[in-house]
Amino acid sequence: MQADPSLSPYEQLKKHAEFSKTVHLNDLFGQDAARFDQFTLEIGPLLFDYSKQRVTRAILESLTQFSDSVQLRHWIEKLFQGDPINNTEKRAAMHWALRMPENQQADIGLDQEILQAIHKQIDHMGFLVDQLQRGQYRGCTGEVITDVVNIGVGGSDLGPLMVSRALEDYRIQTPQNLQVHFVSSMDGSQVSHLLNELRPETTLFIISSKSFTTVDTLYNAETARSWLERKLGRSSRVDRCHFIGVSTSQEKMTEWGIYPEHQLGMWDWVGGRFSLWSAIGLPIALTIGIEGFKQLLAGAHLMDQHFQSAPWSENLPVLMGLIGVWNTNFLNIKTQAILPYDGRLEYLADYLQQLEMESNGKSVTRDGERVKLGTCPIIWGNVGPNAQHAFYQLLHQGTEPITCDFIAPALRYHAREKQHAEAASELQAQHQLALANCLAQSRLLALGEAALDKRYGTLPAYKRYYGNQSSSTILLHELNAFSLGALLAAYEHKVFVQSVIWGINPFDQWGVEMGKEIAKELLPALQGEQASKPFDSSTEGLLRFILG
């Protein structure tokens, strides 16, 4: 179906959507033997295959016209100029600046003082990382630190946790076998379990909180400090030797007891879910080294440059965003599954869930009006091989339309020494099995029964596969710091593209604030104090049950 120039881009897309209901992905592949070549993009270490999305060239043209009608190019310029596009908090959103090399400041006009401050923090972080990895950082009893516990929540936990796990193959070997752990649960279960496994003399805690007022994080931090003081005694050396802080508030870190030389700073223009590129990424650097961390930044910077300069038809984050808008707003697909076929990416779905749903789960525009289009779909998922035995039944034969992102590295195991060749060969066979399943599942979702061998004949109803479930496949040459940085930055910019089209601010998160305020009102009641005001009957009843 060709575009009608007399219609607005939005009306054109509605017409395309009506036509799309009559066309199966099977038909699209049958009509174009070179469809893969037409709908694939390779940027740096990433290959993006969107040929299994229900799009045509005409649909993509209408989508790009739609993006032009909301001034997407102008908004990208505002983002990279450091304009206060987080309008409700009157802040810029400059997480991209954290990825800027020192010698490229002039390319974008970033203030030299900001760039110097960013690299000063990277250098400070590098110094601490070097001390810890060399075994030169010691606790208050003089013993070498062997375990580091990151205490954070949300972006201060999910980002570092996800990347550290994803890049564990590149873990730096240290004399003391330095281990990095993560604590985020506010109920104390994680921290109490972990403390039973650790020695206070050799444990260091990182308190990661942008504001340094996050209740969940500070409660866990106090539990950690109480544990240290019970075991080691109450002493200023405990705070000095066993805590590092990461925050925008130097004053609050100092008040809590963290010494200045163990404080790492960040800026209010870095949102929590965009903060792994800052000193919040200290656990990543401890895992893969500061040079590995810089490679992560470099991969993201490559994607930043690509996003700013590439035309829409060759722009990976823009295409990801536009296809997402097409699925959500015109094909009425309200949910998206993230399906990595590599166990190292086990936390990727959780990370992207926060990135997308906290950013674009909004119903009010920048102008304070109700949105006219549906916004963020529900993001969920799991590692593909596990998911196949959990929810793929619904993907293939359920009643809901779902779009999927399949993600996998093309290469993995390399035998650099002869003695490891046999083990690498066995593991490579397993990796190939994972890749075979990744390709098979996306093929079956798209083509349905047409993907089956003809010998199957006519299947009974309960074995039928209709197909026509759209998906994208993102292949990394291999999973390393550089390719992961590029992948994560692509998703960040995809979120921004969609926010522009929907007319919302993706950099605030007021939806998470009120619940925390109400929790503060309820806490005294749970501690046996008289409530200052009555609650609803359900809450009152639940309080009675809890308090006995």
Foldseek 3Di string as FASTA:
>chain_A
DAFDVVDQLVVSLLVVLVVLVVDALVNVCVVDVCLQVLAWADADQKIKGQSLFSDDPRNVVSLVSLLVVLPVLVVLLCLLLFAQLLVVVSGHQVLLLLLDDLVCCVVRVPDNVVNVLSVVLLVLLQVVLVCLQAQNAFAPVRGGAQEEEEQDEDLLFLLLVQLLLLALVLFDQGPSNHYYHYDYDLVCPVLVVVVVVDDLRRYAYEQEDAALPPNSRVVSVVVNLVSNCVRPNDDLRRQARRYAYEYQDPPSCVVVRHDPSRYRYDDPSHFSLSDCSGCSVSSVCSTNNSVQSSLLSNLLNSLSVLQNDPDLSNRLLNVLLSSQCSCVFNNVQQEEEEEELDVSSFSVQVSLQCLQCQQWVDQAFPVRHGWPTDIHGRGYYGHHVVVVVPCVCCLFDNDHQYEYEYEYEPDDFDDPDPVCVVVSVVVRVVSVVSVVVSVVSQVCQRCWPVSPDCVVPDDPPVPGGPHSRGYMYMYGNHRGSSSVSNVVSSSNSSSVSRCSSRRHGRRDRVVVPVVVVVVVQCVVLLVPDDRPDDDDPVVVVVSVVSVD
